[in-house]
């Protein structure tokens, strides 16, 4: 059976999002944000550390895309959802710019 690649969105109780890529199609995979991202998520949900509910949505999936195509789709959806905007999400890359996408990122 081919590996199903998925780009997913995690929505946290505060409404902020994280968009990530899973190249295994595993239902239980909830991402691996950077240490800085994890620290921010923990700080934002300190009062909910014993009972935290998140939502995972599959935004895109493919059984035929290459890893490079899947990574490109992840970046596209991070930008489209604004997940790299600190006011909206927890993605640290591609780097957010209020002036629009930064060239080279």
PDB file of N, CA and C in Angstrom:
ATOM      1  N   UNK A   1       0.841  -1.182   0.000  1.00  0.00           N
ATOM      2  CA  UNK A   1       0.000   0.000   0.000  1.00  0.00           C
ATOM      3  C   UNK A   1       0.891   1.252   0.000  1.00  0.00           C
ATOM      4  N   UNK A   2       0.625   2.203  -0.905  1.00  0.00           N
ATOM      5  CA  UNK A   2       1.451   3.409  -0.962  1.00  0.00           C
ATOM      6  C   UNK A   2       1.299   4.253   0.307  1.00  0.00           C
ATOM      7  N   UNK A   3       2.374   4.958   0.641  1.00  0.00           N
ATOM      8  CA  UNK A   3       2.290   5.879   1.779  1.00  0.00           C
ATOM      9  C   UNK A   3       1.428   7.070   1.385  1.00  0.00           C
ATOM     10  N   UNK A   4       0.543   7.437   2.252  1.00  0.00           N
ATOM     11  CA  UNK A   4      -0.311   8.600   2.017  1.00  0.00           C
ATOM     12  C   UNK A   4       0.334   9.802   2.690  1.00  0.00           C
ATOM     13  N   UNK A   5       0.658  10.799   1.919  1.00  0.00           N
ATOM     14  CA  UNK A   5       1.229  12.033   2.460  1.00  0.00           C
ATOM     15  C   UNK A   5       0.084  12.997   2.754  1.00  0.00           C
ATOM     16  N   UNK A   6       0.165  13.656   3.894  1.00  0.00           N
ATOM     17  CA  UNK A   6      -0.906  14.557   4.304  1.00  0.00           C
ATOM     18  C   UNK A   6      -0.336  15.868   4.834  1.00  0.00           C
ATOM     19  N   UNK A   7      -1.014  16.954   4.500  1.00  0.00           N
ATOM     20  CA  UNK A   7      -0.773  18.232   5.154  1.00  0.00           C
ATOM     21  C   UNK A   7      -1.992  18.462   6.032  1.00  0.00           C
ATOM     22  N   UNK A   8      -1.741  18.721   7.303  1.00  0.00           N
ATOM     23  CA  UNK A   8      -2.825  18.829   8.277  1.00  0.00           C
ATOM     24  C   UNK A   8      -2.754  20.169   8.992  1.00  0.00           C
ATOM     25  N   UNK A   9      -3.864  20.508   9.625  1.00  0.00           N
ATOM     26  CA  UNK A   9      -3.933  21.719  10.447  1.00  0.00           C
ATOM     27  C   UNK A   9      -4.381  21.310  11.838  1.00  0.00           C
ATOM     28  N   UNK A  10      -3.622  21.726  12.847  1.00  0.00           N
ATOM     29  CA  UNK A  10      -3.995  21.525  14.238  1.00  0.00           C
ATOM     30  C   UNK A  10      -4.550  22.850  14.739  1.00  0.00           C
ATOM     31  N   UNK A  11      -5.739  22.829  15.341  1.00  0.00           N
ATOM     32  CA  UNK A  11      -6.315  24.028  15.942  1.00  0.00           C
ATOM     33  C   UNK A  11      -6.320  23.847  17.452  1.00  0.00           C
ATOM     34  N   UNK A  12      -5.718  24.794  18.142  1.00  0.00           N
ATOM     35  CA  UNK A  12      -5.617  24.762  19.600  1.00  0.00           C
ATOM     36  C   UNK A  12      -6.787  25.511  20.229  1.00  0.00           C
ATOM     37  N   UNK A  13      -7.034  25.327  21.527  1.00  0.00           N
ATOM     38  CA  UNK A  13      -8.182  25.967  22.183  1.00  0.00           C
ATOM     39  C   UNK A  13      -8.212  27.489  22.057  1.00  0.00           C
ATOM     40  N   UNK A  14      -7.056  28.120  21.928  1.00  0.00           N
ATOM     41  CA  UNK A  14      -7.030  29.577  21.786  1.00  0.00           C
ATOM     42  C   UNK A  14      -7.302  30.026  20.352  1.00  0.00           C
ATOM     43  N   UNK A  15      -7.552  29.065  19.449  1.00  0.00           N
ATOM     44  CA  UNK A  15      -7.851  29.382  18.058  1.00  0.00           C
ATOM     45  C   UNK A  15      -6.634  29.447  17.156  1.00  0.00           C
ATOM     46  N   UNK A  16      -5.429  29.450  17.729  1.00  0.00           N
ATOM     47  CA  UNK A  16      -4.228  29.468  16.895  1.00  0.00           C
ATOM     48  C   UNK A  16      -4.030  28.106  16.242  1.00  0.00           C
ATOM     49  N   UNK A  17      -3.323  28.114  15.116  1.00  0.00           N
ATOM     50  CA  UNK A  17      -3.167  26.893  14.324  1.00  0.00           C
ATOM     51  C   UNK A  17      -1.698  26.549  14.096  1.00  0.00           C
ATOM     52  N   UNK A  18      -1.488  25.292  13.758  1.00  0.00           N
ATOM     53  CA  UNK A  18      -0.185  24.792  13.329  1.00  0.00           C
ATOM     54  C   UNK A  18      -0.449  23.931  12.104  1.00  0.00           C
ATOM     55  N   UNK A  19       0.250  24.185  11.006  1.00  0.00           N
ATOM     56  CA  UNK A  19       0.120  23.389   9.790  1.00  0.00           C
ATOM     57  C   UNK A  19       1.389  22.559   9.644  1.00  0.00           C
ATOM     58  N   UNK A  20       1.211  21.259   9.405  1.00  0.00           N
ATOM     59  CA  UNK A  20       2.358  20.372   9.304  1.00  0.00           C
ATOM     60  C   UNK A  20       2.186  19.317   8.238  1.00  0.00           C
ATOM     61  N   UNK A  21       3.241  18.535   8.045  1.00  0.00           N
ATOM     62  CA  UNK A  21       3.291  17.496   7.026  1.00  0.00           C
ATOM     63  C   UNK A  21       3.524  16.147   7.681  1.00  0.00           C
ATOM     64  N   UNK A  22       2.766  15.160   7.255  1.00  0.00           N
ATOM     65  CA  UNK A  22       2.963  13.771   7.685  1.00  0.00           C
ATOM     66  C   UNK A  22       3.150  12.944   6.421  1.00  0.00           C
ATOM     67  N   UNK A  23       4.324  12.345   6.258  1.00  0.00           N
ATOM     68  CA  UNK A  23       4.583  11.551   5.056  1.00  0.00           C
ATOM     69  C   UNK A  23       4.214  10.087   5.244  1.00  0.00           C
ATOM     70  N   UNK A  24       3.614   9.744   6.388  1.00  0.00           N
ATOM     71  CA  UNK A  24       3.206   8.357   6.641  1.00  0.00           C
ATOM     72  C   UNK A  24       1.697   8.176   6.639  1.00  0.00           C
ATOM     73  N   UNK A  25       0.936   9.272   6.713  1.00  0.00           N
ATOM     74  CA  UNK A  25      -0.515   9.181   6.744  1.00  0.00           C
ATOM     75  C   UNK A  25      -1.045   8.582   8.034  1.00  0.00           C
ATOM     76  N   UNK A  26      -0.329   8.769   9.124  1.00  0.00           N
ATOM     77  CA  UNK A  26      -0.707   8.194  10.406  1.00  0.00           C
ATOM     78  C   UNK A  26      -1.736   9.073  11.103  1.00  0.00           C
ATOM     79  N   UNK A  27      -2.869   8.511  11.441  1.00  0.00           N
ATOM     80  CA  UNK A  27      -3.928   9.264  12.101  1.00  0.00           C
ATOM     81  C   UNK A  27      -3.457   9.878  13.412  1.00  0.00           C
ATOM     82  N   UNK A  28      -2.626   9.177  14.148  1.00  0.00           N
ATOM     83  CA  UNK A  28      -2.217   9.620  15.481  1.00  0.00           C
ATOM     84  C   UNK A  28      -1.090  10.655  15.466  1.00  0.00           C
ATOM     85  N   UNK A  29      -0.536  10.980  14.300  1.00  0.00           N
ATOM     86  CA  UNK A  29       0.572  11.930  14.239  1.00  0.00           C
ATOM     87  C   UNK A  29       0.045  13.349  14.384  1.00  0.00           C
ATOM     88  N   UNK A  30       0.584  14.095  15.345  1.00  0.00           N
ATOM     89  CA  UNK A  30       0.139  15.463  15.593  1.00  0.00           C
ATOM     90  C   UNK A  30       1.259  16.478  15.441  1.00  0.00           C
ATOM     91  N   UNK A  31       2.277  16.126  14.697  1.00  0.00           N
ATOM     92  CA  UNK A  31       3.303  17.088  14.359  1.00  0.00           C
ATOM     93  C   UNK A  31       4.480  17.121  15.297  1.00  0.00           C
ATOM     94  N   UNK A  32       5.478  17.854  14.853  1.00  0.00           N
ATOM     95  CA  UNK A  32       6.690  18.034  15.651  1.00  0.00           C
ATOM     96  C   UNK A  32       7.184  19.466  15.487  1.00  0.00           C
ATOM     97  N   UNK A  33       6.478  20.415  16.120  1.00  0.00           N
ATOM     98  CA  UNK A  33       6.937  21.795  16.042  1.00  0.00           C
ATOM     99  C   UNK A  33       8.324  21.941  16.672  1.00  0.00           C
ATOM    100  N   UNK A  34       8.991  23.012  16.340  1.00  0.00           N
ATOM    101  CA  UNK A  34      10.314  23.283  16.918  1.00  0.00           C
ATOM    102  C   UNK A  34      10.187  23.459  18.428  1.00  0.00           C
ATOM    103  N   UNK A  35      11.307  23.398  19.120  1.00  0.00           N
ATOM    104  CA  UNK A  35      11.283  23.607  20.572  1.00  0.00           C
ATOM    105  C   UNK A  35      10.690  24.964  20.922  1.00  0.00           C
ATOM    106  N   UNK A  36      11.044  25.980  20.149  1.00  0.00           N
ATOM    107  CA  UNK A  36      10.484  27.313  20.393  1.00  0.00           C
ATOM    108  C   UNK A  36       8.969  27.315  20.200  1.00  0.00           C
ATOM    109  N   UNK A  37       8.503  26.611  19.175  1.00  0.00           N
ATOM    110  CA  UNK A  37       7.065  26.500  18.949  1.00  0.00           C
ATOM    111  C   UNK A  37       6.368  25.765  20.078  1.00  0.00           C
ATOM    112  N   UNK A  38       6.973  24.666  20.535  1.00  0.00           N
ATOM    113  CA  UNK A  38       6.391  23.901  21.650  1.00  0.00           C
ATOM    114  C   UNK A  38       6.316  24.743  22.915  1.00  0.00           C
ATOM    115  N   UNK A  39       7.364  25.521  23.173  1.00  0.00           N
ATOM    116  CA  UNK A  39       7.368  26.387  24.354  1.00  0.00           C
ATOM    117  C   UNK A  39       6.243  27.413  24.280  1.00  0.00           C
ATOM    118  N   UNK A  40       6.019  27.980  23.103  1.00  0.00           N
ATOM    119  CA  UNK A  40       4.954  28.976  22.946  1.00  0.00           C
ATOM    120  C   UNK A  40       3.585  28.334  23.124  1.00  0.00           C
ATOM    121  N   UNK A  41       3.390  27.154  22.544  1.00  0.00           N
ATOM    122  CA  UNK A  41       2.117  26.440  22.699  1.00  0.00           C
ATOM    123  C   UNK A  41       1.869  26.152  24.175  1.00  0.00           C
ATOM    124  N   UNK A  42       2.888  25.660  24.886  1.00  0.00           N
ATOM    125  CA  UNK A  42       2.740  25.351  26.314  1.00  0.00           C
ATOM    126  C   UNK A  42       2.422  26.612  27.115  1.00  0.00           C
ATOM    127  N   UNK A  43       3.113  27.709  26.826  1.00  0.00           N
ATOM    128  CA  UNK A  43       2.873  28.958  27.550  1.00  0.00           C
ATOM    129  C   UNK A  43       1.460  29.481  27.306  1.00  0.00           C
ATOM    130  N   UNK A  44       0.976  29.343  26.080  1.00  0.00           N
ATOM    131  CA  UNK A  44      -0.364  29.827  25.744  1.00  0.00           C
ATOM    132  C   UNK A  44      -1.469  28.989  26.374  1.00  0.00           C
ATOM    133  N   UNK A  45      -1.150  27.766  26.787  1.00  0.00           N
ATOM    134  CA  UNK A  45      -2.177  26.859  27.314  1.00  0.00           C
ATOM    135  C   UNK A  45      -1.842  26.362  28.714  1.00  0.00           C
ATOM    136  N   UNK A  46      -1.134  27.166  29.491  1.00  0.00           N
ATOM    137  CA  UNK A  46      -0.701  26.762  30.828  1.00  0.00           C
ATOM    138  C   UNK A  46      -1.884  26.358  31.709  1.00  0.00           C
ATOM    139  N   UNK A  47      -3.014  27.034  31.573  1.00  0.00           N
ATOM    140  CA  UNK A  47      -4.189  26.720  32.391  1.00  0.00           C
ATOM    141  C   UNK A  47      -4.899  25.453  31.933  1.00  0.00           C
ATOM    142  N   UNK A  48      -4.550  24.945  30.744  1.00  0.00           N
ATOM    143  CA  UNK A  48      -5.211  23.756  30.205  1.00  0.00           C
ATOM    144  C   UNK A  48      -4.266  22.568  30.133  1.00  0.00           C
ATOM    145  N   UNK A  49      -3.168  22.613  30.845  1.00  0.00           N
ATOM    146  CA  UNK A  49      -2.154  21.567  30.706  1.00  0.00           C
ATOM    147  C   UNK A  49      -2.631  20.194  31.147  1.00  0.00           C
ATOM    148  N   UNK A  50      -3.684  20.125  31.972  1.00  0.00           N
ATOM    149  CA  UNK A  50      -4.195  18.829  32.420  1.00  0.00           C
ATOM    150  C   UNK A  50      -5.354  18.328  31.565  1.00  0.00           C
ATOM    151  N   UNK A  51      -5.934  19.201  30.750  1.00  0.00           N
ATOM    152  CA  UNK A  51      -7.066  18.816  29.900  1.00  0.00           C
ATOM    153  C   UNK A  51      -7.063  19.709  28.661  1.00  0.00           C
ATOM    154  N   UNK A  52      -6.374  19.269  27.634  1.00  0.00           N
ATOM    155  CA  UNK A  52      -6.200  20.063  26.418  1.00  0.00           C
ATOM    156  C   UNK A  52      -6.832  19.332  25.241  1.00  0.00           C
ATOM    157  N   UNK A  53      -7.759  19.982  24.572  1.00  0.00           N
ATOM    158  CA  UNK A  53      -8.402  19.395  23.403  1.00  0.00           C
ATOM    159  C   UNK A  53      -7.963  20.165  22.162  1.00  0.00           C
ATOM    160  N   UNK A  54      -7.468  19.440  21.169  1.00  0.00           N
ATOM    161  CA  UNK A  54      -7.072  20.047  19.903  1.00  0.00           C
ATOM    162  C   UNK A  54      -7.831  19.358  18.771  1.00  0.00           C
ATOM    163  N   UNK A  55      -7.881  20.022  17.641  1.00  0.00           N
ATOM    164  CA  UNK A  55      -8.560  19.470  16.462  1.00  0.00           C
ATOM    165  C   UNK A  55      -7.547  19.310  15.342  1.00  0.00           C
ATOM    166  N   UNK A  56      -7.578  18.153  14.678  1.00  0.00           N
ATOM    167  CA  UNK A  56      -6.702  17.901  13.535  1.00  0.00           C
ATOM    168  C   UNK A  56      -7.570  17.760  12.292  1.00  0.00           C
ATOM    169  N   UNK A  57      -7.263  18.562  11.281  1.00  0.00           N
ATOM    170  CA  UNK A  57      -7.969  18.501  10.003  1.00  0.00           C
ATOM    171  C   UNK A  57      -6.958  18.217   8.899  1.00  0.00           C
ATOM    172  N   UNK A  58      -7.304  17.323   7.996  1.00  0.00           N
ATOM    173  CA  UNK A  58      -6.466  17.056   6.831  1.00  0.00           C
ATOM    174  C   UNK A  58      -6.832  18.087   5.763  1.00  0.00           C
ATOM    175  N   UNK A  59      -5.869  18.904   5.379  1.00  0.00           N
ATOM    176  CA  UNK A  59      -6.097  19.936   4.363  1.00  0.00           C
ATOM    177  C   UNK A  59      -5.820  19.427   2.957  1.00  0.00           C
ATOM    178  N   UNK A  60      -4.933  18.429   2.857  1.00  0.00           N
ATOM    179  CA  UNK A  60      -4.516  17.900   1.549  1.00  0.00           C
ATOM    180  C   UNK A  60      -3.903  16.540   1.778  1.00  0.00           C
ATOM    181  N   UNK A  61      -4.123  15.621   0.832  1.00  0.00           N
ATOM    182  CA  UNK A  61      -3.443  14.329   0.909  1.00  0.00           C
ATOM    183  C   UNK A  61      -3.228  13.764  -0.483  1.00  0.00           C
ATOM    184  N   UNK A  62      -2.195  12.923  -0.589  1.00  0.00           N
ATOM    185  CA  UNK A  62      -1.854  12.319  -1.867  1.00  0.00           C
ATOM    186  C   UNK A  62      -1.125  11.007  -1.638  1.00  0.00           C
ATOM    187  N   UNK A  63      -1.397  10.043  -2.498  1.00  0.00           N
ATOM    188  CA  UNK A  63      -0.650   8.785  -2.499  1.00  0.00           C
ATOM    189  C   UNK A  63       0.428   8.785  -3.576  1.00  0.00           C
ATOM    190  N   UNK A  64       0.431   9.808  -4.429  1.00  0.00           N
ATOM    191  CA  UNK A  64       1.365   9.827  -5.558  1.00  0.00           C
ATOM    192  C   UNK A  64       2.385  10.959  -5.501  1.00  0.00           C
ATOM    193  N   UNK A  65       2.181  11.953  -4.666  1.00  0.00           N
ATOM    194  CA  UNK A  65       3.106  13.091  -4.600  1.00  0.00           C
ATOM    195  C   UNK A  65       4.466  12.649  -4.071  1.00  0.00           C
ATOM    196  N   UNK A  66       5.500  13.266  -4.589  1.00  0.00           N
ATOM    197  CA  UNK A  66       6.844  13.031  -4.053  1.00  0.00           C
ATOM    198  C   UNK A  66       6.960  13.764  -2.714  1.00  0.00           C
ATOM    199  N   UNK A  67       8.006  13.441  -1.958  1.00  0.00           N
ATOM    200  CA  UNK A  67       8.228  14.156  -0.698  1.00  0.00           C
ATOM    201  C   UNK A  67       8.404  15.651  -0.958  1.00  0.00           C
ATOM    202  N   UNK A  68       9.108  16.004  -2.026  1.00  0.00           N
ATOM    203  CA  UNK A  68       9.330  17.416  -2.360  1.00  0.00           C
ATOM    204  C   UNK A  68       8.011  18.111  -2.697  1.00  0.00           C
ATOM    205  N   UNK A  69       7.134  17.443  -3.441  1.00  0.00           N
ATOM    206  CA  UNK A  69       5.826  18.026  -3.766  1.00  0.00           C
ATOM    207  C   UNK A  69       4.993  18.208  -2.503  1.00  0.00           C
ATOM    208  N   UNK A  70       5.060  17.240  -1.603  1.00  0.00           N
ATOM    209  CA  UNK A  70       4.309  17.335  -0.349  1.00  0.00           C
ATOM    210  C   UNK A  70       4.838  18.488   0.505  1.00  0.00           C
ATOM    211  N   UNK A  71       6.158  18.652   0.571  1.00  0.00           N
ATOM    212  CA  UNK A  71       6.744  19.764   1.329  1.00  0.00           C
ATOM    213  C   UNK A  71       6.334  21.111   0.729  1.00  0.00           C
ATOM    214  N   UNK A  72       6.300  21.180  -0.593  1.00  0.00           N
ATOM    215  CA  UNK A  72       5.884  22.417  -1.263  1.00  0.00           C
ATOM    216  C   UNK A  72       4.427  22.735  -0.937  1.00  0.00           C
ATOM    217  N   UNK A  73       3.585  21.709  -0.887  1.00  0.00           N
ATOM    218  CA  UNK A  73       2.180  21.919  -0.538  1.00  0.00           C
ATOM    219  C   UNK A  73       2.055  22.384   0.913  1.00  0.00           C
ATOM    220  N   UNK A  74       2.886  21.827   1.795  1.00  0.00           N
ATOM    221  CA  UNK A  74       2.873  22.259   3.200  1.00  0.00           C
ATOM    222  C   UNK A  74       3.175  23.757   3.295  1.00  0.00           C
ATOM    223  N   UNK A  75       4.223  24.203   2.620  1.00  0.00           N
ATOM    224  CA  UNK A  75       4.596  25.622   2.654  1.00  0.00           C
ATOM    225  C   UNK A  75       3.477  26.478   2.074  1.00  0.00           C
ATOM    226  N   UNK A  76       2.892  26.030   0.979  1.00  0.00           N
ATOM    227  CA  UNK A  76       1.788  26.765   0.350  1.00  0.00           C
ATOM    228  C   UNK A  76       0.628  26.931   1.326  1.00  0.00           C
ATOM    229  N   UNK A  77       0.273  25.851   2.025  1.00  0.00           N
ATOM    230  CA  UNK A  77      -0.864  25.909   2.944  1.00  0.00           C
ATOM    231  C   UNK A  77      -0.533  26.666   4.226  1.00  0.00           C
ATOM    232  N   UNK A  78       0.722  26.652   4.649  1.00  0.00           N
ATOM    233  CA  UNK A  78       1.127  27.490   5.785  1.00  0.00           C
ATOM    234  C   UNK A  78       0.886  28.950   5.426  1.00  0.00           C
ATOM    235  N   UNK A  79       1.304  29.328   4.227  1.00  0.00           N
ATOM    236  CA  UNK A  79       1.113  30.717   3.790  1.00  0.00           C
ATOM    237  C   UNK A  79      -0.363  31.052   3.607  1.00  0.00           C
ATOM    238  N   UNK A  80      -1.110  30.145   2.964  1.00  0.00           N
ATOM    239  CA  UNK A  80      -2.526  30.415   2.700  1.00  0.00           C
ATOM    240  C   UNK A  80      -3.339  30.554   3.981  1.00  0.00           C
ATOM    241  N   UNK A  81      -3.036  29.746   4.985  1.00  0.00           N
ATOM    242  CA  UNK A  81      -3.788  29.803   6.240  1.00  0.00           C
ATOM    243  C   UNK A  81      -3.270  30.886   7.179  1.00  0.00           C
ATOM    244  N   UNK A  82      -2.081  31.402   6.910  1.00  0.00           N
ATOM    245  CA  UNK A  82      -1.473  32.380   7.805  1.00  0.00           C
ATOM    246  C   UNK A  82      -0.897  31.757   9.062  1.00  0.00           C
ATOM    247  N   UNK A  83      -0.647  30.449   9.028  1.00  0.00           N
ATOM    248  CA  UNK A  83      -0.152  29.749  10.216  1.00  0.00           C
ATOM    249  C   UNK A  83       1.212  30.252  10.671  1.00  0.00           C
ATOM    250  N   UNK A  84       1.935  30.939   9.800  1.00  0.00           N
ATOM    251  CA  UNK A  84       3.237  31.501  10.171  1.00  0.00           C
ATOM    252  C   UNK A  84       3.127  32.937  10.681  1.00  0.00           C
ATOM    253  N   UNK A  85       1.927  33.479  10.736  1.00  0.00           N
ATOM    254  CA  UNK A  85       1.677  34.793  11.323  1.00  0.00           C
ATOM    255  C   UNK A  85       1.514  34.581  12.825  1.00  0.00           C
ATOM    256  N   UNK A  86       2.369  35.153  13.659  1.00  0.00           N
ATOM    257  CA  UNK A  86       2.295  34.901  15.101  1.00  0.00           C
ATOM    258  C   UNK A  86       0.935  35.218  15.724  1.00  0.00           C
ATOM    259  N   UNK A  87       0.152  36.070  15.100  1.00  0.00           N
ATOM    260  CA  UNK A  87      -1.176  36.378  15.620  1.00  0.00           C
ATOM    261  C   UNK A  87      -2.179  35.267  15.313  1.00  0.00           C
ATOM    262  N   UNK A  88      -1.841  34.397  14.348  1.00  0.00           N
ATOM    263  CA  UNK A  88      -2.763  33.357  13.889  1.00  0.00           C
ATOM    264  C   UNK A  88      -2.271  31.961  14.223  1.00  0.00           C
ATOM    265  N   UNK A  89      -0.960  31.738  14.124  1.00  0.00           N
ATOM    266  CA  UNK A  89      -0.475  30.370  14.255  1.00  0.00           C
ATOM    267  C   UNK A  89       0.889  30.245  14.895  1.00  0.00           C
ATOM    268  N   UNK A  90       1.343  28.984  14.953  1.00  0.00           N
ATOM    269  CA  UNK A  90       2.593  28.630  15.615  1.00  0.00           C
ATOM    270  C   UNK A  90       3.723  28.255  14.659  1.00  0.00           C
ATOM    271  N   UNK A  91       3.482  28.230  13.361  1.00  0.00           N
ATOM    272  CA  UNK A  91       4.558  27.895  12.429  1.00  0.00           C
ATOM    273  C   UNK A  91       5.594  29.018  12.414  1.00  0.00           C
ATOM    274  N   UNK A  92       6.854  28.644  12.533  1.00  0.00           N
ATOM    275  CA  UNK A  92       7.943  29.627  12.527  1.00  0.00           C
ATOM    276  C   UNK A  92       8.549  29.811  11.145  1.00  0.00           C
ATOM    277  N   UNK A  93       8.258  28.887  10.233  1.00  0.00           N
ATOM    278  CA  UNK A  93       8.752  29.022   8.867  1.00  0.00           C
ATOM    279  C   UNK A  93       7.668  28.549   7.902  1.00  0.00           C
ATOM    280  N   UNK A  94       7.615  29.127   6.712  1.00  0.00           N
ATOM    281  CA  UNK A  94       8.459  30.227   6.277  1.00  0.00           C
ATOM    282  C   UNK A  94       8.210  31.466   7.140  1.00  0.00           C
ATOM    283  N   UNK A  95       9.245  32.263   7.294  1.00  0.00           N
ATOM    284  CA  UNK A  95       9.157  33.428   8.161  1.00  0.00           C
ATOM    285  C   UNK A  95       8.038  34.360   7.704  1.00  0.00           C
ATOM    286  N   UNK A  96       7.294  34.895   8.657  1.00  0.00           N
ATOM    287  CA  UNK A  96       6.175  35.794   8.385  1.00  0.00           C
ATOM    288  C   UNK A  96       6.682  37.217   8.165  1.00  0.00           C
ATOM    289  N   UNK A  97       6.071  37.903   7.219  1.00  0.00           N
ATOM    290  CA  UNK A  97       6.333  39.318   7.001  1.00  0.00           C
ATOM    291  C   UNK A  97       5.005  39.999   6.734  1.00  0.00           C
ATOM    292  N   UNK A  98       4.735  41.075   7.449  1.00  0.00           N
ATOM    293  CA  UNK A  98       3.492  41.812   7.216  1.00  0.00           C
ATOM    294  C   UNK A  98       3.470  42.429   5.826  1.00  0.00           C
ATOM    295  N   UNK A  99       4.623  42.517   5.194  1.00  0.00           N
ATOM    296  CA  UNK A  99       4.718  43.084   3.848  1.00  0.00           C
ATOM    297  C   UNK A  99       4.459  42.047   2.768  1.00  0.00           C
ATOM    298  N   UNK A 100       4.243  40.790   3.179  1.00  0.00           N
ATOM    299  CA  UNK A 100       4.035  39.714   2.222  1.00  0.00           C
ATOM    300  C   UNK A 100       5.147  38.695   2.340  1.00  0.00           C
ATOM    301  N   UNK A 101       5.123  37.659   1.498  1.00  0.00           N
ATOM    302  CA  UNK A 101       6.144  36.614   1.580  1.00  0.00           C
ATOM    303  C   UNK A 101       7.549  37.185   1.404  1.00  0.00           C
ATOM    304  N   UNK A 102       8.456  36.710   2.219  1.00  0.00           N
ATOM    305  CA  UNK A 102       9.855  37.123   2.082  1.00  0.00           C
ATOM    306  C   UNK A 102      10.491  36.343   0.953  1.00  0.00           C
ATOM    307  N   UNK A 103      11.215  37.014   0.096  1.00  0.00           N
ATOM    308  CA  UNK A 103      11.856  36.309  -1.010  1.00  0.00           C
ATOM    309  C   UNK A 103      12.915  35.363  -0.472  1.00  0.00           C
ATOM    310  N   UNK A 104      13.018  34.216  -1.098  1.00  0.00           N
ATOM    311  CA  UNK A 104      14.008  33.239  -0.700  1.00  0.00           C
ATOM    312  C   UNK A 104      13.580  32.343   0.439  1.00  0.00           C
ATOM    313  N   UNK A 105      12.360  32.478   0.938  1.00  0.00           N
ATOM    314  CA  UNK A 105      11.886  31.640   2.047  1.00  0.00           C
ATOM    315  C   UNK A 105      10.714  30.809   1.617  1.00  0.00           C
TER     316      UNK A 105
END
